[in-house]
């Protein structure tokens, strides 16, 4: 059972999301929080969810600051932004601080559940209408001169990782075994000196490690 928490100050909307989650047969939402501070307090007690859905505009500490703090202390928690904001700065800051997904509040319950499943399976999820925005943000940034010694195959797999593909999906696409893909992913993590999927995606995008004309998010 996938455990999901929400951080949302609109209690009516939070209740709707919680209800949709609890109606599924594979995930549950036990806790709803209004602030990041309350969430951190509960985390400090030892209980941890698999996924946190967080708004950005929250009382006290905002959601993006919350993502950074939670990710720094609890690497294994997947975080999906669920917000009304679709401006470039918010998207950029959320991804760079470790968000595993970014959805708008007009997303259907089915889309939110699918995003939860995607990040739990090791992928990343972003609202389709925002995908172009993400790459337009990073396209104006200077490309890194450091290739980190990635091989041709590792570069290929890096593209698929940023594309949100899981290891099993990459294995099918590249006609290799899941074990081989996992080995490549471990090597990529080591070479880029990152410990999490979100950190990998953030670094790849910020340093423009994905060359023009390559595979990109859909």
N, C-alpha and C. Protein backbone atom coordinates (compact mmCIF):
# COMPACT_ATOMS: atom_id res chain seq x y z
N UNK A 1 0.85 -1.20 0.00
CA UNK A 1 0.00 0.00 0.00
C UNK A 1 0.89 1.25 0.00
N UNK A 2 0.67 2.12 -0.97
CA UNK A 2 1.44 3.37 -1.07
C UNK A 2 0.84 4.41 -0.13
N UNK A 3 1.68 4.98 0.72
CA UNK A 3 1.24 5.96 1.72
C UNK A 3 1.47 7.37 1.18
N UNK A 4 0.42 8.17 1.12
CA UNK A 4 0.49 9.52 0.58
C UNK A 4 0.06 10.54 1.63
N UNK A 5 0.80 11.64 1.73
CA UNK A 5 0.40 12.77 2.56
C UNK A 5 0.16 13.97 1.67
N UNK A 6 -0.67 14.91 2.14
CA UNK A 6 -0.89 16.15 1.40
C UNK A 6 -0.51 17.35 2.27
N UNK A 7 -0.01 18.39 1.61
CA UNK A 7 0.22 19.69 2.27
C UNK A 7 -0.57 20.70 1.45
N UNK A 8 -1.68 21.14 1.98
CA UNK A 8 -2.62 21.97 1.24
C UNK A 8 -3.48 22.78 2.21
N UNK A 9 -3.50 24.12 2.04
CA UNK A 9 -4.27 24.95 2.97
C UNK A 9 -5.72 25.14 2.54
N UNK A 10 -6.06 24.68 1.34
CA UNK A 10 -7.46 24.66 0.92
C UNK A 10 -8.04 23.33 1.37
N UNK A 11 -8.68 23.32 2.52
CA UNK A 11 -9.12 22.06 3.12
C UNK A 11 -10.15 21.32 2.27
N UNK A 12 -10.99 22.06 1.57
CA UNK A 12 -11.99 21.41 0.72
C UNK A 12 -11.30 20.63 -0.40
N UNK A 13 -10.31 21.27 -1.03
CA UNK A 13 -9.59 20.59 -2.10
C UNK A 13 -8.78 19.42 -1.55
N UNK A 14 -8.17 19.61 -0.40
CA UNK A 14 -7.39 18.55 0.23
C UNK A 14 -8.26 17.33 0.53
N UNK A 15 -9.47 17.58 1.02
CA UNK A 15 -10.39 16.47 1.32
C UNK A 15 -10.77 15.71 0.05
N UNK A 16 -10.96 16.44 -1.06
CA UNK A 16 -11.31 15.81 -2.33
C UNK A 16 -10.18 14.89 -2.80
N UNK A 17 -8.95 15.39 -2.69
CA UNK A 17 -7.79 14.58 -3.11
C UNK A 17 -7.65 13.36 -2.21
N UNK A 18 -7.80 13.57 -0.92
CA UNK A 18 -7.69 12.45 0.02
C UNK A 18 -8.74 11.39 -0.28
N UNK A 19 -9.95 11.84 -0.56
CA UNK A 19 -11.03 10.90 -0.86
C UNK A 19 -10.73 10.09 -2.12
N UNK A 20 -10.23 10.77 -3.15
CA UNK A 20 -9.90 10.08 -4.40
C UNK A 20 -8.81 9.04 -4.17
N UNK A 21 -7.81 9.40 -3.38
CA UNK A 21 -6.71 8.47 -3.09
C UNK A 21 -7.21 7.26 -2.31
N UNK A 22 -8.03 7.51 -1.31
CA UNK A 22 -8.52 6.43 -0.45
C UNK A 22 -9.54 5.53 -1.13
N UNK A 23 -10.07 5.98 -2.25
CA UNK A 23 -10.99 5.13 -3.01
C UNK A 23 -10.25 4.14 -3.90
N UNK A 24 -8.93 4.36 -4.07
CA UNK A 24 -8.14 3.41 -4.86
C UNK A 24 -7.86 2.18 -4.01
N UNK A 25 -7.43 1.12 -4.66
CA UNK A 25 -7.15 -0.11 -3.90
C UNK A 25 -5.66 -0.34 -3.69
N UNK A 26 -4.83 0.70 -4.00
CA UNK A 26 -3.39 0.51 -3.88
C UNK A 26 -2.67 1.64 -3.15
N UNK A 27 -3.39 2.70 -2.81
CA UNK A 27 -2.73 3.76 -2.02
C UNK A 27 -3.72 4.37 -1.04
N UNK A 28 -3.18 5.05 -0.04
CA UNK A 28 -4.03 5.64 0.99
C UNK A 28 -3.45 6.99 1.40
N UNK A 29 -4.31 7.86 1.90
CA UNK A 29 -3.89 9.15 2.43
C UNK A 29 -4.36 9.25 3.86
N UNK A 30 -3.42 9.11 4.78
CA UNK A 30 -3.77 9.13 6.20
C UNK A 30 -3.68 10.53 6.80
N UNK A 31 -2.71 11.33 6.29
CA UNK A 31 -2.48 12.64 6.88
C UNK A 31 -2.68 13.76 5.86
N UNK A 32 -3.35 14.82 6.32
CA UNK A 32 -3.48 16.06 5.57
C UNK A 32 -2.90 17.17 6.43
N UNK A 33 -1.99 17.96 5.86
CA UNK A 33 -1.39 19.06 6.61
C UNK A 33 -1.65 20.37 5.90
N UNK A 34 -1.71 21.43 6.69
CA UNK A 34 -1.93 22.77 6.14
C UNK A 34 -0.61 23.48 5.92
N UNK A 35 0.39 23.16 6.75
CA UNK A 35 1.69 23.84 6.65
C UNK A 35 2.83 22.83 6.53
N UNK A 36 3.95 23.33 6.01
CA UNK A 36 5.17 22.51 5.93
C UNK A 36 5.66 22.21 7.34
N UNK A 37 5.54 23.18 8.24
CA UNK A 37 6.01 23.00 9.62
C UNK A 37 5.31 21.82 10.29
N UNK A 38 4.01 21.70 10.10
CA UNK A 38 3.27 20.58 10.69
C UNK A 38 3.72 19.25 10.08
N UNK A 39 4.02 19.28 8.79
CA UNK A 39 4.49 18.07 8.11
C UNK A 39 5.84 17.63 8.66
N UNK A 40 6.75 18.59 8.82
CA UNK A 40 8.07 18.29 9.36
C UNK A 40 7.98 17.76 10.79
N UNK A 41 7.03 18.29 11.54
CA UNK A 41 6.84 17.83 12.91
C UNK A 41 6.44 16.36 12.93
N UNK A 42 5.53 15.99 12.03
CA UNK A 42 5.10 14.59 11.96
C UNK A 42 6.23 13.69 11.46
N UNK A 43 6.99 14.18 10.50
CA UNK A 43 8.12 13.41 9.99
C UNK A 43 9.15 13.15 11.08
N UNK A 44 9.33 14.13 11.96
CA UNK A 44 10.31 14.00 13.03
C UNK A 44 9.93 12.92 14.03
N UNK A 45 8.66 12.51 14.01
CA UNK A 45 8.19 11.46 14.91
C UNK A 45 8.51 10.06 14.39
N UNK A 46 9.01 10.02 13.16
CA UNK A 46 9.43 8.72 12.62
C UNK A 46 8.55 8.15 11.53
N UNK A 47 7.32 8.66 11.40
CA UNK A 47 6.45 8.15 10.33
C UNK A 47 6.76 8.89 9.04
N UNK A 48 6.86 8.15 7.95
CA UNK A 48 7.19 8.74 6.66
C UNK A 48 6.31 8.16 5.56
N UNK A 49 5.81 9.00 4.66
CA UNK A 49 5.01 8.52 3.55
C UNK A 49 5.91 8.12 2.38
N UNK A 50 5.32 7.50 1.39
CA UNK A 50 6.04 7.24 0.14
C UNK A 50 6.04 8.48 -0.74
N UNK A 51 4.92 9.21 -0.69
CA UNK A 51 4.74 10.37 -1.57
C UNK A 51 4.09 11.51 -0.79
N UNK A 52 4.54 12.73 -1.08
CA UNK A 52 3.89 13.92 -0.54
C UNK A 52 3.41 14.76 -1.72
N UNK A 53 2.13 15.16 -1.66
CA UNK A 53 1.57 16.11 -2.61
C UNK A 53 1.56 17.46 -1.93
N UNK A 54 2.20 18.46 -2.52
CA UNK A 54 2.28 19.76 -1.86
C UNK A 54 1.90 20.91 -2.77
N UNK A 55 1.19 21.86 -2.21
CA UNK A 55 0.92 23.12 -2.89
C UNK A 55 2.18 23.99 -2.75
N UNK A 56 2.22 25.11 -3.45
CA UNK A 56 3.35 26.03 -3.34
C UNK A 56 3.02 27.18 -2.39
N UNK A 57 1.88 27.81 -2.60
CA UNK A 57 1.49 28.95 -1.77
C UNK A 57 0.84 28.45 -0.49
N UNK A 58 1.64 28.38 0.58
CA UNK A 58 1.18 27.84 1.86
C UNK A 58 1.44 28.84 2.98
N UNK A 59 0.72 28.74 4.08
CA UNK A 59 0.98 29.61 5.24
C UNK A 59 2.38 29.33 5.79
N UNK A 60 3.10 30.38 6.15
CA UNK A 60 4.45 30.18 6.67
C UNK A 60 5.42 29.84 5.56
N UNK A 61 6.15 28.76 5.73
CA UNK A 61 7.11 28.31 4.71
C UNK A 61 6.38 27.86 3.45
N UNK A 62 6.85 28.34 2.28
CA UNK A 62 6.17 27.93 1.06
C UNK A 62 6.57 26.51 0.64
N UNK A 63 5.83 25.97 -0.31
CA UNK A 63 6.04 24.58 -0.71
C UNK A 63 7.40 24.29 -1.29
N UNK A 64 7.97 25.25 -2.04
CA UNK A 64 9.27 25.03 -2.66
C UNK A 64 10.36 24.95 -1.61
N UNK A 65 10.30 25.83 -0.62
CA UNK A 65 11.25 25.74 0.50
C UNK A 65 11.07 24.42 1.24
N UNK A 66 9.81 24.01 1.36
CA UNK A 66 9.51 22.75 2.04
C UNK A 66 10.10 21.56 1.30
N UNK A 67 10.02 21.57 -0.03
CA UNK A 67 10.59 20.49 -0.83
C UNK A 67 12.08 20.35 -0.55
N UNK A 68 12.77 21.48 -0.54
CA UNK A 68 14.22 21.48 -0.32
C UNK A 68 14.57 20.88 1.04
N UNK A 69 13.85 21.27 2.07
CA UNK A 69 14.15 20.78 3.42
C UNK A 69 13.80 19.30 3.56
N UNK A 70 12.63 18.92 3.06
CA UNK A 70 12.21 17.52 3.18
C UNK A 70 13.15 16.61 2.41
N UNK A 71 13.52 17.02 1.20
CA UNK A 71 14.42 16.20 0.38
C UNK A 71 15.81 16.08 1.00
N UNK A 72 16.25 17.12 1.70
CA UNK A 72 17.58 17.08 2.30
C UNK A 72 17.64 16.11 3.48
N UNK A 73 16.49 15.87 4.09
CA UNK A 73 16.45 15.00 5.27
C UNK A 73 15.87 13.62 4.97
N UNK A 74 14.99 13.56 3.99
CA UNK A 74 14.30 12.30 3.68
C UNK A 74 14.35 12.06 2.17
N UNK A 75 15.52 11.56 1.71
CA UNK A 75 15.75 11.41 0.26
C UNK A 75 14.73 10.50 -0.40
N UNK A 76 14.25 9.51 0.35
CA UNK A 76 13.42 8.48 -0.25
C UNK A 76 11.98 8.93 -0.50
N UNK A 77 11.56 10.04 0.08
CA UNK A 77 10.19 10.51 -0.11
C UNK A 77 10.07 11.18 -1.48
N UNK A 78 9.10 10.74 -2.26
CA UNK A 78 8.82 11.36 -3.55
C UNK A 78 7.88 12.54 -3.32
N UNK A 79 8.14 13.65 -4.01
CA UNK A 79 7.31 14.84 -3.81
C UNK A 79 6.75 15.32 -5.15
N UNK A 80 5.44 15.51 -5.17
CA UNK A 80 4.76 16.02 -6.36
C UNK A 80 4.13 17.37 -6.02
N UNK A 81 4.45 18.38 -6.80
CA UNK A 81 3.81 19.68 -6.63
C UNK A 81 2.42 19.62 -7.26
N UNK A 82 1.44 20.12 -6.53
CA UNK A 82 0.06 20.17 -7.02
C UNK A 82 -0.43 21.58 -6.76
N UNK A 83 -0.48 22.41 -7.81
CA UNK A 83 -0.65 23.84 -7.62
C UNK A 83 -1.41 24.48 -8.78
N UNK A 84 -1.72 25.76 -8.62
CA UNK A 84 -2.33 26.53 -9.71
C UNK A 84 -1.27 27.28 -10.49
N UNK A 85 -0.06 27.34 -9.96
CA UNK A 85 1.00 28.13 -10.59
C UNK A 85 1.64 27.38 -11.75
N UNK A 86 1.66 28.01 -12.93
CA UNK A 86 2.31 27.39 -14.08
C UNK A 86 3.38 28.29 -14.69
N UNK A 87 3.88 29.26 -13.88
CA UNK A 87 4.91 30.15 -14.40
C UNK A 87 6.28 29.50 -14.33
N UNK A 88 7.16 29.96 -15.20
CA UNK A 88 8.48 29.34 -15.36
C UNK A 88 9.29 29.30 -14.07
N UNK A 89 9.25 30.40 -13.31
CA UNK A 89 10.07 30.47 -12.09
C UNK A 89 9.68 29.40 -11.08
N UNK A 90 8.38 29.20 -10.88
CA UNK A 90 7.92 28.20 -9.91
C UNK A 90 8.31 26.79 -10.36
N UNK A 91 8.13 26.52 -11.65
CA UNK A 91 8.48 25.20 -12.18
C UNK A 91 9.98 24.95 -12.01
N UNK A 92 10.78 25.94 -12.39
CA UNK A 92 12.24 25.84 -12.29
C UNK A 92 12.67 25.57 -10.85
N UNK A 93 12.16 26.37 -9.92
CA UNK A 93 12.55 26.25 -8.51
C UNK A 93 12.13 24.90 -7.93
N UNK A 94 10.93 24.45 -8.29
CA UNK A 94 10.44 23.18 -7.76
C UNK A 94 11.32 22.01 -8.21
N UNK A 95 11.64 21.97 -9.50
CA UNK A 95 12.46 20.89 -10.04
C UNK A 95 13.87 20.94 -9.45
N UNK A 96 14.43 22.13 -9.40
CA UNK A 96 15.80 22.26 -8.90
C UNK A 96 15.92 21.97 -7.41
N UNK A 97 14.81 22.08 -6.69
CA UNK A 97 14.85 21.77 -5.26
C UNK A 97 14.46 20.34 -4.96
N UNK A 98 14.16 19.56 -6.02
CA UNK A 98 13.96 18.13 -5.81
C UNK A 98 12.59 17.56 -6.08
N UNK A 99 11.67 18.35 -6.64
CA UNK A 99 10.34 17.82 -6.93
C UNK A 99 10.43 16.69 -7.95
N UNK A 100 9.69 15.61 -7.71
CA UNK A 100 9.66 14.48 -8.64
C UNK A 100 8.55 14.62 -9.67
N UNK A 101 7.63 15.53 -9.42
CA UNK A 101 6.53 15.74 -10.34
C UNK A 101 5.94 17.12 -10.16
N UNK A 102 5.24 17.60 -11.19
CA UNK A 102 4.63 18.94 -11.12
C UNK A 102 3.30 18.87 -11.87
N UNK A 103 2.20 19.03 -11.13
CA UNK A 103 0.87 18.97 -11.71
C UNK A 103 0.09 20.23 -11.38
N UNK A 104 -0.86 20.55 -12.22
CA UNK A 104 -1.76 21.67 -11.94
C UNK A 104 -3.02 21.14 -11.27
N UNK A 105 -3.68 22.01 -10.53
CA UNK A 105 -4.84 21.57 -9.77
C UNK A 105 -6.06 21.24 -10.64
N UNK A 106 -5.98 21.57 -11.93
CA UNK A 106 -7.07 21.15 -12.81
C UNK A 106 -6.88 19.72 -13.31
N UNK A 107 -5.83 19.05 -12.81
CA UNK A 107 -5.61 17.65 -13.15
C UNK A 107 -6.73 16.80 -12.55
N UNK A 108 -7.13 15.78 -13.26
CA UNK A 108 -8.20 14.90 -12.77
C UNK A 108 -7.66 13.98 -11.68
N UNK A 109 -8.53 13.42 -10.85
CA UNK A 109 -8.09 12.46 -9.84
C UNK A 109 -7.31 11.30 -10.47
N UNK A 110 -7.73 10.88 -11.67
CA UNK A 110 -7.03 9.79 -12.36
C UNK A 110 -5.62 10.19 -12.72
N UNK A 111 -5.44 11.44 -13.15
CA UNK A 111 -4.10 11.92 -13.51
C UNK A 111 -3.21 12.02 -12.27
N UNK A 112 -3.78 12.44 -11.16
CA UNK A 112 -3.01 12.55 -9.91
C UNK A 112 -2.59 11.16 -9.43
N UNK A 113 -3.52 10.21 -9.49
CA UNK A 113 -3.20 8.84 -9.09
C UNK A 113 -2.12 8.25 -10.00
N UNK A 114 -2.21 8.53 -11.29
CA UNK A 114 -1.22 8.03 -12.24
C UNK A 114 0.15 8.63 -11.94
N UNK A 115 0.18 9.92 -11.57
CA UNK A 115 1.44 10.58 -11.23
C UNK A 115 2.06 9.95 -9.99
N UNK A 116 1.22 9.63 -9.00
CA UNK A 116 1.72 8.97 -7.78
C UNK A 116 2.34 7.63 -8.13
N UNK A 117 1.65 6.86 -8.95
CA UNK A 117 2.16 5.55 -9.36
C UNK A 117 3.48 5.70 -10.11
N UNK A 118 3.56 6.71 -10.98
CA UNK A 118 4.76 6.92 -11.79
C UNK A 118 5.98 7.20 -10.92
N UNK A 119 5.85 8.11 -9.94
CA UNK A 119 7.01 8.46 -9.13
C UNK A 119 7.39 7.32 -8.19
N UNK A 120 6.41 6.56 -7.71
CA UNK A 120 6.71 5.41 -6.85
C UNK A 120 7.47 4.35 -7.65
N UNK A 121 7.16 4.23 -8.93
CA UNK A 121 7.83 3.26 -9.79
C UNK A 121 9.20 3.74 -10.27
N UNK A 122 9.61 4.92 -9.82
CA UNK A 122 10.94 5.42 -10.16
C UNK A 122 10.97 6.42 -11.28
N UNK A 123 9.80 6.82 -11.77
CA UNK A 123 9.75 7.80 -12.85
C UNK A 123 9.52 9.20 -12.31
N UNK A 124 9.30 10.13 -13.23
CA UNK A 124 8.96 11.50 -12.83
C UNK A 124 7.74 11.91 -13.64
N UNK A 125 6.92 12.76 -13.06
CA UNK A 125 5.66 13.10 -13.71
C UNK A 125 5.48 14.60 -13.77
N UNK A 126 5.14 15.09 -14.96
CA UNK A 126 4.90 16.52 -15.13
C UNK A 126 3.68 16.69 -16.02
N UNK A 127 2.86 17.66 -15.68
CA UNK A 127 1.69 17.96 -16.48
C UNK A 127 2.10 18.16 -17.93
N UNK A 128 1.40 17.51 -18.85
CA UNK A 128 1.77 17.55 -20.27
C UNK A 128 1.88 18.97 -20.81
N UNK A 129 1.01 19.85 -20.36
CA UNK A 129 1.02 21.23 -20.85
C UNK A 129 2.23 22.01 -20.36
N UNK A 130 2.91 21.48 -19.33
CA UNK A 130 4.07 22.17 -18.77
C UNK A 130 5.39 21.64 -19.31
N UNK A 131 5.37 20.50 -19.99
CA UNK A 131 6.61 19.88 -20.44
C UNK A 131 7.42 20.82 -21.34
N UNK A 132 6.74 21.49 -22.28
CA UNK A 132 7.43 22.41 -23.17
C UNK A 132 8.04 23.57 -22.40
N UNK A 133 7.31 24.02 -21.37
CA UNK A 133 7.83 25.11 -20.54
C UNK A 133 9.14 24.72 -19.87
N UNK A 134 9.20 23.48 -19.37
CA UNK A 134 10.39 23.01 -18.67
C UNK A 134 11.62 23.14 -19.56
N UNK A 135 11.50 22.67 -20.78
CA UNK A 135 12.66 22.69 -21.66
C UNK A 135 12.96 24.06 -22.21
N UNK A 136 11.95 24.92 -22.30
CA UNK A 136 12.21 26.29 -22.72
C UNK A 136 12.99 27.04 -21.65
N UNK A 137 12.73 26.69 -20.39
CA UNK A 137 13.45 27.30 -19.27
C UNK A 137 14.94 26.99 -19.36
N UNK A 138 15.24 25.70 -19.55
CA UNK A 138 16.64 25.28 -19.51
C UNK A 138 17.37 25.47 -20.84
N UNK A 139 16.61 25.71 -21.92
CA UNK A 139 17.26 25.87 -23.22
C UNK A 139 18.10 27.13 -23.30
N UNK A 140 17.77 28.12 -22.47
CA UNK A 140 18.52 29.38 -22.52
C UNK A 140 19.73 29.36 -21.58
N UNK A 141 19.90 28.28 -20.87
CA UNK A 141 21.01 28.19 -19.94
C UNK A 141 22.24 27.64 -20.63
N UNK A 142 23.40 28.05 -20.17
CA UNK A 142 24.66 27.61 -20.77
C UNK A 142 24.85 26.11 -20.58
N UNK A 143 25.24 25.45 -21.68
CA UNK A 143 25.46 24.02 -21.62
C UNK A 143 26.76 23.72 -20.89
N UNK A 144 26.73 22.70 -20.05
CA UNK A 144 27.91 22.34 -19.28
C UNK A 144 29.02 21.81 -20.19
N UNK A 145 30.26 22.20 -19.89
CA UNK A 145 31.40 21.67 -20.64
C UNK A 145 31.84 20.34 -20.05
N UNK A 146 31.29 19.99 -18.89
CA UNK A 146 31.66 18.75 -18.22
C UNK A 146 30.71 17.63 -18.66
N UNK A 147 31.24 16.61 -19.28
CA UNK A 147 30.42 15.48 -19.71
C UNK A 147 30.37 14.40 -18.64
N UNK A 148 31.15 14.56 -17.59
CA UNK A 148 31.20 13.63 -16.46
C UNK A 148 31.63 12.23 -16.88
N UNK A 149 32.22 12.11 -18.04
CA UNK A 149 32.73 10.81 -18.47
C UNK A 149 31.65 9.79 -18.78
N UNK A 150 30.45 10.26 -19.09
CA UNK A 150 29.36 9.35 -19.41
C UNK A 150 29.59 8.67 -20.76
N UNK A 151 29.34 7.39 -20.82
CA UNK A 151 29.46 6.67 -22.08
C UNK A 151 28.24 6.95 -22.95
N UNK A 152 28.29 6.50 -24.20
CA UNK A 152 27.17 6.69 -25.11
C UNK A 152 25.91 6.04 -24.56
N UNK A 153 26.04 4.84 -24.03
CA UNK A 153 24.88 4.14 -23.47
C UNK A 153 24.36 4.85 -22.22
N UNK A 154 25.28 5.34 -21.37
CA UNK A 154 24.86 6.05 -20.17
C UNK A 154 24.13 7.34 -20.52
N UNK A 155 24.61 8.03 -21.56
CA UNK A 155 23.92 9.23 -22.02
C UNK A 155 22.51 8.91 -22.49
N UNK A 156 22.39 7.80 -23.21
CA UNK A 156 21.08 7.38 -23.70
C UNK A 156 20.14 7.11 -22.54
N UNK A 157 20.63 6.40 -21.53
CA UNK A 157 19.80 6.08 -20.37
C UNK A 157 19.48 7.33 -19.56
N UNK A 158 20.42 8.27 -19.50
CA UNK A 158 20.17 9.53 -18.81
C UNK A 158 18.97 10.25 -19.43
N UNK A 159 18.91 10.24 -20.76
CA UNK A 159 17.78 10.87 -21.44
C UNK A 159 16.46 10.22 -21.03
N UNK A 160 16.46 8.90 -20.97
CA UNK A 160 15.24 8.20 -20.59
C UNK A 160 14.86 8.47 -19.14
N UNK A 161 15.87 8.60 -18.27
CA UNK A 161 15.60 8.90 -16.86
C UNK A 161 14.95 10.27 -16.72
N UNK A 162 15.48 11.26 -17.44
CA UNK A 162 14.89 12.60 -17.40
C UNK A 162 13.51 12.58 -18.03
N UNK A 163 13.32 11.68 -18.98
CA UNK A 163 12.03 11.53 -19.65
C UNK A 163 10.98 10.91 -18.72
N UNK A 164 11.43 10.46 -17.54
CA UNK A 164 10.50 9.90 -16.57
C UNK A 164 10.33 8.40 -16.63
N UNK A 165 11.15 7.74 -17.45
CA UNK A 165 11.03 6.29 -17.60
C UNK A 165 11.61 5.56 -16.40
N UNK A 166 10.98 4.44 -16.04
CA UNK A 166 11.49 3.59 -14.97
C UNK A 166 12.56 2.67 -15.54
N UNK A 167 13.30 2.00 -14.67
CA UNK A 167 14.37 1.10 -15.11
C UNK A 167 13.81 -0.03 -15.98
N UNK A 168 12.65 -0.55 -15.60
CA UNK A 168 12.06 -1.65 -16.37
C UNK A 168 11.63 -1.19 -17.76
N UNK A 169 11.12 0.04 -17.85
CA UNK A 169 10.73 0.59 -19.15
C UNK A 169 11.96 0.81 -20.03
N UNK A 170 13.04 1.31 -19.42
CA UNK A 170 14.27 1.55 -20.17
C UNK A 170 14.83 0.23 -20.70
N UNK A 171 14.74 -0.81 -19.88
CA UNK A 171 15.24 -2.13 -20.30
C UNK A 171 14.51 -2.61 -21.55
N UNK A 172 13.20 -2.41 -21.60
CA UNK A 172 12.41 -2.83 -22.77
C UNK A 172 12.76 -2.00 -24.00
N UNK A 173 12.93 -0.70 -23.81
CA UNK A 173 13.22 0.19 -24.93
C UNK A 173 14.60 -0.09 -25.53
N UNK A 174 15.58 -0.36 -24.64
CA UNK A 174 16.96 -0.56 -25.10
C UNK A 174 17.31 -2.02 -25.34
N UNK A 175 16.32 -2.90 -25.15
CA UNK A 175 16.53 -4.34 -25.37
C UNK A 175 17.69 -4.90 -24.54
N UNK A 176 17.74 -4.45 -23.29
CA UNK A 176 18.74 -4.96 -22.36
C UNK A 176 18.03 -5.46 -21.11
N UNK A 177 18.76 -6.13 -20.24
CA UNK A 177 18.16 -6.67 -19.03
C UNK A 177 18.00 -5.57 -17.98
N UNK A 178 17.01 -5.69 -17.11
CA UNK A 178 16.82 -4.72 -16.03
C UNK A 178 18.08 -4.59 -15.16
N UNK A 179 18.78 -5.70 -14.95
CA UNK A 179 20.00 -5.67 -14.13
C UNK A 179 21.07 -4.80 -14.80
N UNK A 180 21.20 -4.92 -16.12
CA UNK A 180 22.17 -4.11 -16.86
C UNK A 180 21.82 -2.63 -16.76
N UNK A 181 20.53 -2.33 -16.89
CA UNK A 181 20.09 -0.94 -16.79
C UNK A 181 20.37 -0.39 -15.40
N UNK A 182 20.10 -1.19 -14.38
CA UNK A 182 20.37 -0.75 -13.00
C UNK A 182 21.85 -0.45 -12.79
N UNK A 183 22.70 -1.26 -13.42
CA UNK A 183 24.15 -1.03 -13.32
C UNK A 183 24.52 0.29 -13.98
N UNK A 184 23.94 0.56 -15.15
CA UNK A 184 24.21 1.83 -15.84
C UNK A 184 23.72 3.01 -14.99
N UNK A 185 22.53 2.86 -14.40
CA UNK A 185 21.97 3.94 -13.58
C UNK A 185 22.87 4.22 -12.38
N UNK A 186 23.36 3.17 -11.75
CA UNK A 186 24.28 3.33 -10.62
C UNK A 186 25.53 4.08 -11.04
N UNK A 187 26.06 3.74 -12.22
CA UNK A 187 27.26 4.42 -12.73
C UNK A 187 26.96 5.90 -13.01
N UNK A 188 25.79 6.18 -13.55
CA UNK A 188 25.41 7.57 -13.85
C UNK A 188 25.31 8.37 -12.56
N UNK A 189 24.68 7.78 -11.54
CA UNK A 189 24.57 8.45 -10.24
C UNK A 189 25.96 8.77 -9.68
N UNK A 190 26.86 7.80 -9.77
CA UNK A 190 28.21 7.98 -9.24
C UNK A 190 28.96 9.07 -9.99
N UNK A 191 28.85 9.06 -11.31
CA UNK A 191 29.59 10.04 -12.12
C UNK A 191 29.05 11.45 -11.94
N UNK A 192 27.74 11.58 -11.81
CA UNK A 192 27.16 12.90 -11.63
C UNK A 192 27.14 13.34 -10.17
N UNK A 193 27.54 12.40 -9.27
CA UNK A 193 27.62 12.67 -7.84
C UNK A 193 26.27 13.12 -7.28
N UNK A 194 25.25 12.31 -7.57
CA UNK A 194 23.91 12.56 -7.03
C UNK A 194 23.43 11.28 -6.35
N UNK A 195 22.45 11.44 -5.46
CA UNK A 195 21.96 10.29 -4.69
C UNK A 195 20.50 9.97 -4.96
N UNK A 196 19.79 10.88 -5.63
CA UNK A 196 18.37 10.68 -5.85
C UNK A 196 18.00 10.93 -7.30
N UNK A 197 16.84 10.39 -7.71
CA UNK A 197 16.34 10.60 -9.06
C UNK A 197 16.08 12.09 -9.32
N UNK A 198 15.48 12.75 -8.34
CA UNK A 198 15.20 14.18 -8.51
C UNK A 198 16.48 14.99 -8.63
N UNK A 199 17.51 14.60 -7.87
CA UNK A 199 18.80 15.29 -7.96
C UNK A 199 19.43 15.09 -9.32
N UNK A 200 19.28 13.89 -9.86
CA UNK A 200 19.81 13.57 -11.19
C UNK A 200 19.14 14.42 -12.25
N UNK A 201 17.81 14.46 -12.23
CA UNK A 201 17.06 15.24 -13.21
C UNK A 201 17.40 16.72 -13.11
N UNK A 202 17.46 17.22 -11.88
CA UNK A 202 17.79 18.62 -11.65
C UNK A 202 19.16 18.97 -12.23
N UNK A 203 20.15 18.14 -11.98
CA UNK A 203 21.50 18.42 -12.46
C UNK A 203 21.57 18.33 -13.98
N UNK A 204 20.93 17.33 -14.54
CA UNK A 204 20.94 17.14 -15.99
C UNK A 204 20.32 18.33 -16.70
N UNK A 205 19.23 18.86 -16.12
CA UNK A 205 18.56 20.00 -16.73
C UNK A 205 19.31 21.30 -16.51
N UNK A 206 19.75 21.53 -15.28
CA UNK A 206 20.44 22.78 -14.97
C UNK A 206 21.73 22.93 -15.76
N UNK A 207 22.45 21.83 -15.97
CA UNK A 207 23.72 21.88 -16.68
C UNK A 207 23.57 21.52 -18.15
N UNK A 208 22.33 21.35 -18.58
CA UNK A 208 22.02 21.07 -19.98
C UNK A 208 22.87 19.91 -20.51
N UNK A 209 22.82 18.82 -19.80
CA UNK A 209 23.56 17.63 -20.22
C UNK A 209 22.86 16.91 -21.37
N UNK A 210 21.62 17.30 -21.62
CA UNK A 210 20.89 16.66 -22.71
C UNK A 210 21.09 17.52 -23.97
N UNK A 211 21.75 16.93 -24.95
CA UNK A 211 22.09 17.69 -26.15
C UNK A 211 20.84 17.98 -26.98
N UNK A 212 20.93 19.00 -27.81
CA UNK A 212 19.81 19.38 -28.68
C UNK A 212 19.49 18.24 -29.63
N UNK A 213 18.21 18.07 -29.89
CA UNK A 213 17.79 17.03 -30.80
C UNK A 213 17.67 15.68 -30.14
N UNK A 214 17.89 15.63 -28.82
CA UNK A 214 17.83 14.37 -28.11
C UNK A 214 16.42 14.10 -27.66
N UNK A 215 16.23 12.97 -27.04
CA UNK A 215 14.92 12.61 -26.51
C UNK A 215 14.59 13.61 -25.42
N UNK A 216 13.31 13.92 -25.29
CA UNK A 216 12.93 14.83 -24.22
C UNK A 216 11.59 14.43 -23.62
N UNK A 217 11.21 15.18 -22.59
CA UNK A 217 9.98 14.86 -21.88
C UNK A 217 8.78 14.99 -22.81
N UNK A 218 7.86 14.09 -22.64
CA UNK A 218 6.64 14.16 -23.42
C UNK A 218 5.49 14.51 -22.48
